[in-house]
């Protein structure tokens, strides 16, 4: 997910995804407040039906300021899991010919991977004869992206997702470039309606729990706490909670997880990616990290886990992510599909 985990985290995330695989969410025995999130967020997508054939060619303005003309969209290569999810959910999954390592949902799993660790392989992309590449502004290396452009392949660049407010604009950007703007509007409306339904059904609670987003990769000894720019704040707040890291004054994306940082954040719950939780030995291992057991979250073993490939995607399945977060925080699900 080349979104807010880009930059300092991107190589660590790529390593973790390649070594831990695409499926499974295990918790150590003794967990009391965590719920298997992989069962809560569907592994398969829900594509729109009745989508008209793309009306092409179209010329759109890419997020990098370039004008991009899309003449055909028969062989599409999205370079992030989030963008792949959007293309598939727009009903155009049969046109996708490759994926990057973060596209872990069932429909994409058999496609060839065109990234090495997390860097784009221009040779792998071009070998599949794409007529459109859809990328994030953080997709790279830049030399690979320029090599793809030099081969005459249109490259649409989309701004990374940072919050719930980005769900609609990202869907629209992709749909417009694929010549299916009406489908983009339908998917945007459906996604927003479902997110709104979850928020409207939040359970009544007197307080707003403080939730700290932790990035964990035990195999690499990487333990970080999210701040105001981690990308999780919007999701946490939509669940009726407070981003403990941001509220404690952490202004960057991530900061090293220390006893002092945890004490200042004083989280009531910990939000983690499922494979990150696995990598430290489940909740039993998590509470052994310095300072965790002394927090309210550690004392009550209140851990919320969501599958890595979807947590911060801010796309068509974000309502499911939010529903899972709410259910794990408060003990019941909300927001039926409509």
Protein backbone atom coordinates (compact mmCIF):
# COMPACT_ATOMS: atom_id res chain seq x y z
CA UNK A 1 0.00 0.00 0.00
CA UNK A 2 1.97 2.91 -1.26
CA UNK A 3 0.00 5.47 0.69
CA UNK A 4 1.01 6.85 4.07
CA UNK A 5 3.33 3.87 4.52
CA UNK A 6 5.54 5.17 1.73
CA UNK A 7 8.92 6.67 2.44
CA UNK A 8 10.59 5.34 5.57
CA UNK A 9 8.27 2.35 5.84
CA UNK A 10 8.01 1.18 2.28
CA UNK A 11 10.94 -1.25 2.20
CA UNK A 12 9.97 -2.70 5.58
CA UNK A 13 6.39 -3.27 4.44
CA UNK A 14 7.54 -4.91 1.23
CA UNK A 15 9.82 -7.26 3.12
CA UNK A 16 7.05 -8.20 5.51
CA UNK A 17 4.55 -8.87 2.76
CA UNK A 18 6.93 -11.06 0.80
CA UNK A 19 8.00 -13.10 3.81
CA UNK A 20 4.64 -13.55 5.54
CA UNK A 21 2.48 -14.22 2.48
CA UNK A 22 -0.97 -12.96 1.66
CA UNK A 23 -3.35 -14.79 3.93
CA UNK A 24 -4.06 -15.53 7.53
CA UNK A 25 -4.47 -13.58 10.73
CA UNK A 26 -3.33 -15.45 13.79
CA UNK A 27 -3.39 -14.38 17.42
CA UNK A 28 -1.59 -16.00 20.27
CA UNK A 29 -3.62 -17.91 22.80
CA UNK A 30 -4.96 -15.81 25.62
CA UNK A 31 -6.25 -12.89 23.52
CA UNK A 32 -9.31 -11.41 25.12
CA UNK A 33 -10.22 -8.23 23.29
CA UNK A 34 -8.90 -8.75 19.77
CA UNK A 35 -11.01 -10.17 16.96
CA UNK A 36 -9.75 -12.02 13.84
CA UNK A 37 -10.08 -9.12 11.41
CA UNK A 38 -9.42 -11.24 8.33
CA UNK A 39 -12.88 -12.72 8.80
CA UNK A 40 -14.45 -9.28 9.13
CA UNK A 41 -13.12 -7.71 5.91
CA UNK A 42 -14.13 -9.72 2.86
CA UNK A 43 -11.26 -11.23 0.90
CA UNK A 44 -13.28 -10.92 -2.32
CA UNK A 45 -14.48 -7.68 -3.85
CA UNK A 46 -17.99 -6.64 -4.83
CA UNK A 47 -17.71 -5.28 -8.39
CA UNK A 48 -20.40 -3.06 -9.84
CA UNK A 49 -22.70 -4.74 -12.33
CA UNK A 50 -24.15 -3.31 -15.51
CA UNK A 51 -21.12 -1.13 -16.21
CA UNK A 52 -21.11 0.25 -19.76
CA UNK A 53 -18.10 -0.35 -21.99
CA UNK A 54 -15.37 2.30 -21.55
CA UNK A 55 -15.81 5.34 -23.75
CA UNK A 56 -12.33 6.04 -25.05
CA UNK A 57 -10.15 7.85 -25.94
CA UNK A 58 -10.12 10.33 -23.09
CA UNK A 59 -7.56 12.87 -21.97
CA UNK A 60 -7.22 13.54 -18.25
CA UNK A 61 -4.86 15.50 -16.02
CA UNK A 62 -2.63 13.23 -13.97
CA UNK A 63 -1.73 14.07 -10.35
CA UNK A 64 1.80 14.89 -11.53
CA UNK A 65 0.36 17.63 -13.76
CA UNK A 66 0.82 15.79 -17.05
CA UNK A 67 -1.93 15.41 -19.63
CA UNK A 68 -2.53 11.71 -20.22
CA UNK A 69 -4.47 10.38 -23.20
CA UNK A 70 -5.90 6.90 -22.77
CA UNK A 71 -6.78 5.38 -26.13
CA UNK A 72 -7.39 1.84 -24.91
CA UNK A 73 -7.86 0.18 -21.54
CA UNK A 74 -7.70 -3.48 -22.46
CA UNK A 75 -4.46 -4.30 -20.60
CA UNK A 76 -4.24 -2.35 -17.35
CA UNK A 77 -1.42 -2.50 -14.79
CA UNK A 78 -2.28 -0.84 -11.44
CA UNK A 79 0.80 -0.30 -9.29
CA UNK A 80 -0.80 -0.43 -5.84
CA UNK A 81 -3.27 -2.69 -4.09
CA UNK A 82 -5.64 0.21 -3.54
CA UNK A 83 -5.68 1.14 -7.24
CA UNK A 84 -6.14 -2.51 -8.22
CA UNK A 85 -9.12 -2.72 -5.89
CA UNK A 86 -10.71 0.33 -7.52
CA UNK A 87 -10.26 -1.01 -11.07
CA UNK A 88 -11.70 -4.41 -10.14
CA UNK A 89 -14.63 -2.91 -8.24
CA UNK A 90 -15.46 -0.67 -11.20
CA UNK A 91 -16.16 -3.93 -13.03
CA UNK A 92 -13.01 -3.88 -15.14
CA UNK A 93 -11.00 -6.56 -13.39
CA UNK A 94 -10.89 -8.74 -16.48
CA UNK A 95 -8.71 -6.06 -18.09
CA UNK A 96 -6.05 -6.10 -15.36
CA UNK A 97 -2.96 -8.07 -16.43
CA UNK A 98 -0.63 -7.61 -13.43
CA UNK A 99 -0.46 -6.47 -9.84
CA UNK A 100 1.97 -5.13 -7.32
CA UNK A 101 2.82 -6.96 -4.13
CA UNK A 102 0.14 -5.21 -2.05
CA UNK A 103 -2.84 -6.38 -4.14
CA UNK A 104 -3.71 -9.33 -1.89
CA UNK A 105 -7.46 -9.75 -2.49
CA UNK A 106 -8.63 -13.02 -4.02
CA UNK A 107 -9.40 -11.84 -7.55
CA UNK A 108 -5.90 -10.44 -8.06
CA UNK A 109 -3.85 -13.13 -6.39
CA UNK A 110 -3.11 -15.19 -9.51
CA UNK A 111 -1.86 -12.20 -11.52
CA UNK A 112 1.88 -11.79 -12.13
CA UNK A 113 3.67 -9.40 -9.77
CA UNK A 114 5.56 -6.54 -11.43
CA UNK A 115 7.33 -5.18 -8.37
CA UNK A 116 10.56 -6.37 -6.79
CA UNK A 117 10.24 -5.95 -3.05
CA UNK A 118 8.33 -2.71 -3.52
CA UNK A 119 10.08 -1.16 -6.53
CA UNK A 120 8.45 -1.22 -9.94
CA UNK A 121 10.19 -3.39 -12.52
CA UNK A 122 9.85 -1.60 -15.85
CA UNK A 123 10.91 -4.74 -17.69
CA UNK A 124 8.21 -6.82 -16.01
CA UNK A 125 5.55 -4.20 -16.74
CA UNK A 126 6.50 -3.76 -20.40
CA UNK A 127 6.69 -7.51 -20.99
CA UNK A 128 2.91 -7.64 -20.44
CA UNK A 129 2.24 -5.10 -23.21
CA UNK A 130 0.02 -2.77 -21.14
CA UNK A 131 -1.96 0.00 -22.75
CA UNK A 132 -2.35 1.83 -19.41
CA UNK A 133 -0.39 1.92 -16.15
CA UNK A 134 -2.09 3.42 -13.10
CA UNK A 135 0.35 4.57 -10.43
CA UNK A 136 0.59 6.47 -7.16
CA UNK A 137 2.68 9.63 -6.88
CA UNK A 138 5.04 7.56 -4.72
CA UNK A 139 5.42 4.73 -7.26
CA UNK A 140 9.00 4.25 -8.28
CA UNK A 141 11.87 4.28 -8.80
CA UNK A 142 11.52 7.28 -11.07
CA UNK A 143 13.82 5.73 -13.65
CA UNK A 144 11.44 2.80 -14.04
CA UNK A 145 8.43 5.07 -14.45
CA UNK A 146 10.23 7.10 -17.13
CA UNK A 147 11.23 3.91 -18.93
CA UNK A 148 7.57 2.89 -19.09
CA UNK A 149 6.59 6.30 -20.43
CA UNK A 150 9.43 6.23 -22.96
CA UNK A 151 8.00 2.98 -24.32
CA UNK A 152 4.83 4.88 -25.20
CA UNK A 153 2.63 3.52 -22.40
CA UNK A 154 0.28 6.11 -20.84
CA UNK A 155 0.88 6.43 -17.09
CA UNK A 156 -1.90 7.88 -14.95
CA UNK A 157 -0.67 9.08 -11.56
CA UNK A 158 -3.13 9.28 -8.65
CA UNK A 159 -2.52 11.03 -5.33
CA UNK A 160 -2.03 8.62 -2.43
CA UNK A 161 -4.86 8.07 0.01
CA UNK A 162 -4.47 9.79 3.37
CA UNK A 163 -8.00 9.89 4.79
CA UNK A 164 -11.65 9.00 4.26
CA UNK A 165 -12.01 12.18 2.22
CA UNK A 166 -9.80 10.62 -0.47
CA UNK A 167 -12.09 7.66 -1.23
CA UNK A 168 -14.30 9.48 -3.75
CA UNK A 169 -11.60 11.53 -5.54
CA UNK A 170 -9.41 8.47 -6.09
CA UNK A 171 -12.30 6.43 -7.49
CA UNK A 172 -13.24 9.31 -9.78
CA UNK A 173 -9.67 9.81 -11.01
CA UNK A 174 -9.38 6.15 -12.01
CA UNK A 175 -12.89 5.89 -13.46
CA UNK A 176 -12.50 9.02 -15.57
CA UNK A 177 -9.23 7.76 -17.03
CA UNK A 178 -10.80 4.38 -17.84
CA UNK A 179 -13.71 6.00 -19.66
CA UNK A 180 -16.35 4.92 -17.13
CA UNK A 181 -17.20 8.14 -15.25
CA UNK A 182 -20.78 7.00 -14.54
CA UNK A 183 -19.48 3.85 -12.88
CA UNK A 184 -17.12 6.05 -10.87
CA UNK A 185 -20.03 8.11 -9.58
CA UNK A 186 -21.98 4.95 -8.71
CA UNK A 187 -19.07 3.45 -6.83
CA UNK A 188 -18.32 6.71 -5.03
CA UNK A 189 -21.95 7.02 -3.93
CA UNK A 190 -22.10 3.39 -2.81
CA UNK A 191 -18.85 3.66 -0.87
CA UNK A 192 -19.88 6.88 0.86
CA UNK A 193 -23.34 5.54 1.68
CA UNK A 194 -21.85 2.48 3.34
CA UNK A 195 -19.28 4.47 5.28
CA UNK A 196 -22.01 6.83 6.46
CA UNK A 197 -24.13 3.86 7.56
CA UNK A 198 -21.34 2.55 9.77
CA UNK A 199 -20.76 5.96 11.32
CA UNK A 200 -24.47 6.51 11.91
CA UNK A 201 -24.73 3.19 13.74
CA UNK A 202 -21.85 3.78 16.16
CA UNK A 203 -22.81 2.39 19.56
CA UNK A 204 -23.54 4.84 22.32
CA UNK A 205 -20.53 5.26 24.57
CA UNK A 206 -19.71 7.86 27.17
CA UNK A 207 -16.04 8.27 26.28
CA UNK A 208 -13.97 8.33 23.13
CA UNK A 209 -11.28 5.66 23.49
CA UNK A 210 -7.71 6.65 22.72
CA UNK A 211 -6.41 4.38 19.96
CA UNK A 212 -2.74 4.17 19.03
CA UNK A 213 -1.80 2.87 15.59
CA UNK A 214 1.31 0.68 15.85
CA UNK A 215 3.40 -0.49 12.91
CA UNK A 216 5.07 -3.77 13.86
CA UNK A 217 7.53 -5.98 12.04
CA UNK A 218 9.05 -8.32 14.59
CA UNK A 219 11.28 -10.09 12.05
CA UNK A 220 13.00 -6.77 11.34
CA UNK A 221 12.75 -5.43 14.92
CA UNK A 222 10.71 -2.48 13.68
CA UNK A 223 8.25 -1.08 16.22
CA UNK A 224 6.67 2.31 15.47
CA UNK A 225 3.79 4.40 16.75
CA UNK A 226 1.72 6.45 14.31
CA UNK A 227 1.41 10.21 14.56
CA UNK A 228 -0.72 12.84 12.85
CA UNK A 229 0.54 11.92 9.37
CA UNK A 230 0.32 8.13 9.64
CA UNK A 231 -2.90 8.00 7.60
CA UNK A 232 -4.85 6.28 10.38
CA UNK A 233 -6.22 9.36 12.12
CA UNK A 234 -9.26 9.75 9.86
CA UNK A 235 -10.25 6.10 10.28
CA UNK A 236 -9.81 6.17 14.05
CA UNK A 237 -11.87 9.33 14.39
CA UNK A 238 -14.62 7.94 12.16
CA UNK A 239 -14.91 5.09 14.67
CA UNK A 240 -15.65 7.59 17.42
CA UNK A 241 -12.17 7.34 18.89
CA UNK A 242 -9.14 9.61 19.36
CA UNK A 243 -5.80 9.03 17.64
CA UNK A 244 -3.65 8.66 20.75
CA UNK A 245 -0.39 9.23 18.92
CA UNK A 246 -1.54 12.44 17.27
CA UNK A 247 -3.22 13.66 20.47
CA UNK A 248 0.01 13.13 22.39
CA UNK A 249 1.83 15.53 20.08
CA UNK A 250 3.38 13.19 17.51
CA UNK A 251 3.31 15.29 14.34
CA UNK A 252 5.26 13.02 11.97
CA UNK A 253 3.98 9.89 10.28
CA UNK A 254 5.76 7.41 12.56
CA UNK A 255 8.01 7.56 15.61
CA UNK A 256 10.01 4.84 17.30
CA UNK A 257 7.89 2.97 19.83
CA UNK A 258 9.30 3.73 23.28
CA UNK A 259 8.05 3.42 26.84
CA UNK A 260 7.96 7.20 27.06
CA UNK A 261 5.95 7.61 23.83
CA UNK A 262 3.43 5.00 24.96
CA UNK A 263 3.10 6.54 28.41
CA UNK A 264 2.36 9.93 26.86
CA UNK A 265 -0.12 8.48 24.36
CA UNK A 266 -1.84 6.40 27.06
CA UNK A 267 -3.88 4.36 24.56
CA UNK A 268 -7.03 2.52 25.58
CA UNK A 269 -6.65 0.30 22.50
CA UNK A 270 -3.98 -0.56 19.97
CA UNK A 271 -4.66 -0.71 16.22
CA UNK A 272 -2.30 -2.98 14.31
CA UNK A 273 -2.01 -4.76 10.98
CA UNK A 274 -2.74 -8.46 11.33
CA UNK A 275 0.60 -9.65 9.99
CA UNK A 276 2.38 -7.16 12.19
CA UNK A 277 0.58 -8.66 15.18
CA UNK A 278 1.54 -12.15 14.02
CA UNK A 279 5.17 -11.06 13.66
CA UNK A 280 5.48 -10.26 17.38
CA UNK A 281 3.71 -13.42 18.54
CA UNK A 282 0.12 -12.18 18.75
CA UNK A 283 -1.25 -10.25 21.69
CA UNK A 284 0.89 -12.26 24.13
CA UNK A 285 4.01 -11.04 22.34
CA UNK A 286 2.71 -7.51 21.86
CA UNK A 287 2.23 -6.87 25.57
CA UNK A 288 5.84 -7.91 26.13
CA UNK A 289 7.16 -5.00 24.08
CA UNK A 290 8.59 -2.25 26.33
CA UNK A 291 5.87 -0.06 27.80
CA UNK A 292 2.88 -1.81 26.23
CA UNK A 293 1.77 -3.75 29.31
CA UNK A 294 1.70 -0.53 31.35
CA UNK A 295 -0.82 1.20 29.06
CA UNK A 296 -4.58 0.84 29.56
CA UNK A 297 -4.64 -1.06 26.25
CA UNK A 298 -1.98 -3.49 27.43
CA UNK A 299 -3.57 -4.00 30.84
CA UNK A 300 -6.89 -4.93 29.23
CA UNK A 301 -5.33 -6.60 26.17
CA UNK A 302 -7.47 -4.42 23.95
CA UNK A 303 -6.03 -4.99 20.49
CA UNK A 304 -7.69 -4.28 17.13
CA UNK A 305 -6.17 -5.92 14.05
CA UNK A 306 -7.03 -5.42 10.39
CA UNK A 307 -5.50 -7.16 7.36
CA UNK A 308 -2.44 -5.36 6.03
CA UNK A 309 -3.58 -5.03 2.42
CA UNK A 310 -6.75 -3.11 3.23
CA UNK A 311 -6.34 -1.11 6.46
CA UNK A 312 -5.22 2.20 4.94
CA UNK A 313 -6.40 1.70 1.36
CA UNK A 314 -9.29 4.19 1.68
CA UNK A 315 -11.21 2.59 -1.16
CA UNK A 316 -14.29 0.48 -1.92
CA UNK A 317 -13.81 -1.77 1.14
CA UNK A 318 -13.16 1.00 3.66
CA UNK A 319 -16.67 0.63 5.09
CA UNK A 320 -15.78 -2.95 5.98
CA UNK A 321 -12.53 -1.81 7.60
CA UNK A 322 -14.41 0.78 9.62
CA UNK A 323 -17.08 -1.76 10.60
CA UNK A 324 -14.38 -4.17 11.76
CA UNK A 325 -12.66 -1.44 13.76
CA UNK A 326 -15.92 -0.46 15.46
CA UNK A 327 -16.85 -4.07 16.19
CA UNK A 328 -13.47 -4.80 17.76
CA UNK A 329 -13.42 -1.57 19.76
CA UNK A 330 -16.93 -1.79 21.17
CA UNK A 331 -17.83 -5.46 20.86
CA UNK A 332 -20.53 -5.29 18.18
CA UNK A 333 -20.76 -4.67 14.45
CA UNK A 334 -22.51 -1.79 12.78
CA UNK A 335 -23.58 -0.65 9.37
CA UNK A 336 -25.36 -3.12 7.13
CA UNK A 337 -24.57 -3.08 3.41
CA UNK A 338 -27.05 -1.27 1.22
